[in-house]
């Protein structure tokens, strides 16, 4: 894999206002491949792109 993202999790709030926006997202992209991140508003697209850099590996 050229870029690999593993087990990304992100949530906001607590108690009754808790929302899990990413729950174990993993993806691998080979060098030269194109990737599209698509989803409805609030589905976690931007959150995934700015996720914890420890979850991203570059080969």
Foldseek 3Di string as FASTA:
>chain_A
DQKKFWQFWDWDDDDPPIDTLDGTDIDDDDPPDDDDDDDDPSNCPVVVVPTDCVRMDGD
